[in-house]
Amino acid sequence: MNGDDLMIVIIVAIVMIASIFKARARFQPHSADNGARLENDRLRHEVQELKERLKVLERITVEKENSLAKEIESLRDH
């Protein structure tokens, strides 16, 4: 094996090692993305629950205002 053949083998080895590192780097952030995705889903669920609670509170507030207005009107009528 002469110097040219050795250089080709070294270049191929470098390319192969680089592709292995690239493949590893591609899979590692994926696990971090999965954690972020789970956190995002949890936060979406929490926001949905808060929206539902807000709707209930708005309904209660409106009902109280309506019932209070009715009571005031009934007192005025007497």
N, C-alpha and C. Protein backbone atom coordinates (compact mmCIF):
# COMPACT_ATOMS: atom_id res chain seq x y z
N MET A 1 0.86 -1.17 0.00
CA MET A 1 0.00 0.00 0.00
C MET A 1 0.90 1.23 0.00
N ASN A 2 0.67 2.10 -0.96
CA ASN A 2 1.50 3.30 -1.06
C ASN A 2 0.83 4.46 -0.32
N GLY A 3 1.41 5.62 -0.40
CA GLY A 3 0.92 6.79 0.32
C GLY A 3 -0.44 7.25 -0.14
N ASP A 4 -0.75 7.14 -1.42
CA ASP A 4 -2.06 7.55 -1.93
C ASP A 4 -3.17 6.66 -1.38
N ASP A 5 -2.91 5.36 -1.34
CA ASP A 5 -3.90 4.43 -0.80
C ASP A 5 -4.16 4.69 0.69
N LEU A 6 -3.09 4.97 1.43
CA LEU A 6 -3.22 5.26 2.85
C LEU A 6 -4.04 6.53 3.06
N MET A 7 -3.81 7.54 2.23
CA MET A 7 -4.56 8.79 2.36
C MET A 7 -6.05 8.55 2.08
N ILE A 8 -6.37 7.72 1.11
CA ILE A 8 -7.77 7.41 0.80
C ILE A 8 -8.43 6.69 1.97
N VAL A 9 -7.72 5.74 2.57
CA VAL A 9 -8.25 4.99 3.72
C VAL A 9 -8.49 5.95 4.88
N ILE A 10 -7.59 6.87 5.13
CA ILE A 10 -7.74 7.83 6.23
C ILE A 10 -8.93 8.75 5.97
N ILE A 11 -9.10 9.21 4.73
CA ILE A 11 -10.23 10.09 4.40
C ILE A 11 -11.55 9.35 4.59
N VAL A 12 -11.62 8.10 4.13
CA VAL A 12 -12.85 7.31 4.29
C VAL A 12 -13.13 7.09 5.77
N ALA A 13 -12.11 6.81 6.56
CA ALA A 13 -12.29 6.60 7.99
C ALA A 13 -12.80 7.88 8.66
N ILE A 14 -12.27 9.02 8.28
CA ILE A 14 -12.71 10.30 8.86
C ILE A 14 -14.17 10.56 8.51
N VAL A 15 -14.54 10.29 7.26
CA VAL A 15 -15.93 10.50 6.84
C VAL A 15 -16.87 9.58 7.61
N MET A 16 -16.48 8.32 7.79
CA MET A 16 -17.31 7.37 8.52
C MET A 16 -17.47 7.79 9.99
N ILE A 17 -16.39 8.20 10.62
CA ILE A 17 -16.46 8.64 12.02
C ILE A 17 -17.33 9.88 12.15
N ALA A 18 -17.18 10.80 11.20
CA ALA A 18 -18.00 12.02 11.23
C ALA A 18 -19.48 11.69 11.07
N SER A 19 -19.80 10.73 10.20
CA SER A 19 -21.21 10.37 10.01
C SER A 19 -21.78 9.69 11.25
N ILE A 20 -20.96 8.93 11.98
CA ILE A 20 -21.41 8.32 13.23
C ILE A 20 -21.72 9.40 14.26
N PHE A 21 -20.83 10.38 14.41
CA PHE A 21 -21.08 11.47 15.36
C PHE A 21 -22.31 12.28 14.96
N LYS A 22 -22.49 12.47 13.67
CA LYS A 22 -23.66 13.22 13.19
C LYS A 22 -24.95 12.47 13.50
N ALA A 23 -24.94 11.16 13.31
CA ALA A 23 -26.12 10.35 13.62
C ALA A 23 -26.42 10.37 15.11
N ARG A 24 -25.41 10.31 15.93
CA ARG A 24 -25.62 10.37 17.39
C ARG A 24 -26.20 11.72 17.80
N ALA A 25 -25.66 12.77 17.23
CA ALA A 25 -26.14 14.11 17.58
C ALA A 25 -27.58 14.30 17.13
N ARG A 26 -27.97 13.65 16.07
CA ARG A 26 -29.33 13.78 15.57
C ARG A 26 -30.33 13.12 16.52
N PHE A 27 -29.94 12.04 17.20
CA PHE A 27 -30.86 11.33 18.08
C PHE A 27 -30.90 11.90 19.49
N GLN A 28 -29.86 12.52 19.96
CA GLN A 28 -29.84 13.03 21.32
C GLN A 28 -30.82 14.18 21.54
N PRO A 29 -30.92 15.18 20.68
CA PRO A 29 -31.91 16.22 20.90
C PRO A 29 -33.34 15.71 20.82
N HIS A 30 -33.53 14.60 20.14
CA HIS A 30 -34.87 14.05 20.03
C HIS A 30 -35.43 13.71 21.40
N SER A 31 -34.60 13.15 22.28
CA SER A 31 -35.08 12.83 23.62
C SER A 31 -35.39 14.11 24.40
N ALA A 32 -34.62 15.15 24.17
CA ALA A 32 -34.90 16.44 24.83
C ALA A 32 -36.19 17.03 24.27
N ASP A 33 -36.43 16.87 22.97
CA ASP A 33 -37.67 17.35 22.37
C ASP A 33 -38.87 16.62 22.95
N ASN A 34 -38.69 15.34 23.25
CA ASN A 34 -39.78 14.57 23.83
C ASN A 34 -40.16 15.13 25.19
N GLY A 35 -39.18 15.50 25.99
CA GLY A 35 -39.46 16.11 27.29
C GLY A 35 -40.15 17.45 27.13
N ALA A 36 -39.71 18.23 26.17
CA ALA A 36 -40.35 19.52 25.90
C ALA A 36 -41.77 19.31 25.40
N ARG A 37 -41.97 18.29 24.59
CA ARG A 37 -43.31 17.99 24.07
C ARG A 37 -44.24 17.59 25.21
N LEU A 38 -43.74 16.78 26.14
CA LEU A 38 -44.56 16.39 27.29
C LEU A 38 -44.93 17.60 28.14
N GLU A 39 -43.97 18.47 28.35
CA GLU A 39 -44.23 19.69 29.12
C GLU A 39 -45.24 20.57 28.39
N ASN A 40 -45.11 20.66 27.09
CA ASN A 40 -46.04 21.45 26.29
C ASN A 40 -47.45 20.88 26.38
N ASP A 41 -47.58 19.56 26.29
CA ASP A 41 -48.90 18.92 26.43
C ASP A 41 -49.49 19.17 27.81
N ARG A 42 -48.65 19.09 28.84
CA ARG A 42 -49.13 19.33 30.20
C ARG A 42 -49.64 20.75 30.35
N LEU A 43 -48.90 21.69 29.79
CA LEU A 43 -49.30 23.10 29.89
C LEU A 43 -50.58 23.36 29.09
N ARG A 44 -50.72 22.73 27.94
CA ARG A 44 -51.95 22.88 27.15
C ARG A 44 -53.15 22.36 27.94
N HIS A 45 -52.97 21.21 28.58
CA HIS A 45 -54.05 20.64 29.39
C HIS A 45 -54.40 21.57 30.55
N GLU A 46 -53.40 22.12 31.19
CA GLU A 46 -53.64 23.04 32.30
C GLU A 46 -54.37 24.30 31.83
N VAL A 47 -53.99 24.83 30.68
CA VAL A 47 -54.67 26.02 30.14
C VAL A 47 -56.13 25.68 29.83
N GLN A 48 -56.38 24.49 29.28
CA GLN A 48 -57.75 24.09 28.98
C GLN A 48 -58.57 24.01 30.26
N GLU A 49 -58.01 23.43 31.32
CA GLU A 49 -58.71 23.35 32.60
C GLU A 49 -59.01 24.75 33.15
N LEU A 50 -58.04 25.65 33.03
CA LEU A 50 -58.25 27.02 33.51
C LEU A 50 -59.34 27.73 32.72
N LYS A 51 -59.40 27.49 31.41
CA LYS A 51 -60.46 28.09 30.59
C LYS A 51 -61.83 27.58 31.03
N GLU A 52 -61.91 26.29 31.33
CA GLU A 52 -63.18 25.73 31.79
C GLU A 52 -63.59 26.34 33.13
N ARG A 53 -62.63 26.49 34.03
CA ARG A 53 -62.92 27.11 35.32
C ARG A 53 -63.40 28.56 35.14
N LEU A 54 -62.75 29.27 34.23
CA LEU A 54 -63.13 30.66 33.96
C LEU A 54 -64.55 30.74 33.44
N LYS A 55 -64.93 29.81 32.56
CA LYS A 55 -66.31 29.79 32.05
C LYS A 55 -67.31 29.59 33.19
N VAL A 56 -66.98 28.69 34.11
CA VAL A 56 -67.86 28.45 35.25
C VAL A 56 -67.98 29.70 36.10
N LEU A 57 -66.86 30.35 36.38
CA LEU A 57 -66.89 31.57 37.18
C LEU A 57 -67.67 32.68 36.49
N GLU A 58 -67.52 32.79 35.18
CA GLU A 58 -68.29 33.81 34.44
C GLU A 58 -69.78 33.51 34.52
N ARG A 59 -70.13 32.24 34.37
CA ARG A 59 -71.55 31.87 34.46
C ARG A 59 -72.11 32.17 35.84
N ILE A 60 -71.36 31.83 36.88
CA ILE A 60 -71.81 32.10 38.25
C ILE A 60 -71.98 33.60 38.46
N THR A 61 -71.03 34.37 37.98
CA THR A 61 -71.10 35.83 38.13
C THR A 61 -72.32 36.40 37.42
N VAL A 62 -72.57 35.96 36.21
CA VAL A 62 -73.71 36.46 35.45
C VAL A 62 -75.01 36.05 36.13
N GLU A 63 -75.07 34.80 36.60
CA GLU A 63 -76.28 34.34 37.28
C GLU A 63 -76.54 35.16 38.54
N LYS A 64 -75.48 35.44 39.29
CA LYS A 64 -75.66 36.24 40.50
C LYS A 64 -76.13 37.64 40.16
N GLU A 65 -75.56 38.22 39.11
CA GLU A 65 -75.98 39.57 38.71
C GLU A 65 -77.44 39.57 38.30
N ASN A 66 -77.85 38.56 37.55
CA ASN A 66 -79.24 38.48 37.11
C ASN A 66 -80.17 38.27 38.30
N SER A 67 -79.80 37.39 39.21
CA SER A 67 -80.66 37.13 40.36
C SER A 67 -80.71 38.36 41.27
N LEU A 68 -79.61 39.06 41.42
CA LEU A 68 -79.59 40.27 42.24
C LEU A 68 -80.46 41.34 41.60
N ALA A 69 -80.36 41.48 40.28
CA ALA A 69 -81.19 42.47 39.59
C ALA A 69 -82.67 42.11 39.73
N LYS A 70 -83.01 40.84 39.66
CA LYS A 70 -84.40 40.40 39.82
C LYS A 70 -84.90 40.72 41.23
N GLU A 71 -84.07 40.47 42.23
CA GLU A 71 -84.47 40.75 43.60
C GLU A 71 -84.70 42.25 43.81
N ILE A 72 -83.83 43.07 43.25
CA ILE A 72 -83.98 44.52 43.37
C ILE A 72 -85.27 44.97 42.69
N GLU A 73 -85.55 44.45 41.52
CA GLU A 73 -86.79 44.80 40.81
C GLU A 73 -88.01 44.35 41.59
N SER A 74 -87.93 43.15 42.19
CA SER A 74 -89.08 42.68 42.95
C SER A 74 -89.32 43.56 44.19
N LEU A 75 -88.26 44.07 44.80
CA LEU A 75 -88.39 44.96 45.94
C LEU A 75 -88.98 46.31 45.52
N ARG A 76 -88.62 46.77 44.34
CA ARG A 76 -89.16 48.03 43.84
C ARG A 76 -90.65 47.92 43.54
N ASP A 77 -91.04 46.75 43.06
CA ASP A 77 -92.45 46.54 42.71
C ASP A 77 -93.35 46.54 43.95
N HIS A 78 -92.82 46.21 45.09
CA HIS A 78 -93.65 46.15 46.31
C HIS A 78 -93.83 47.48 46.89
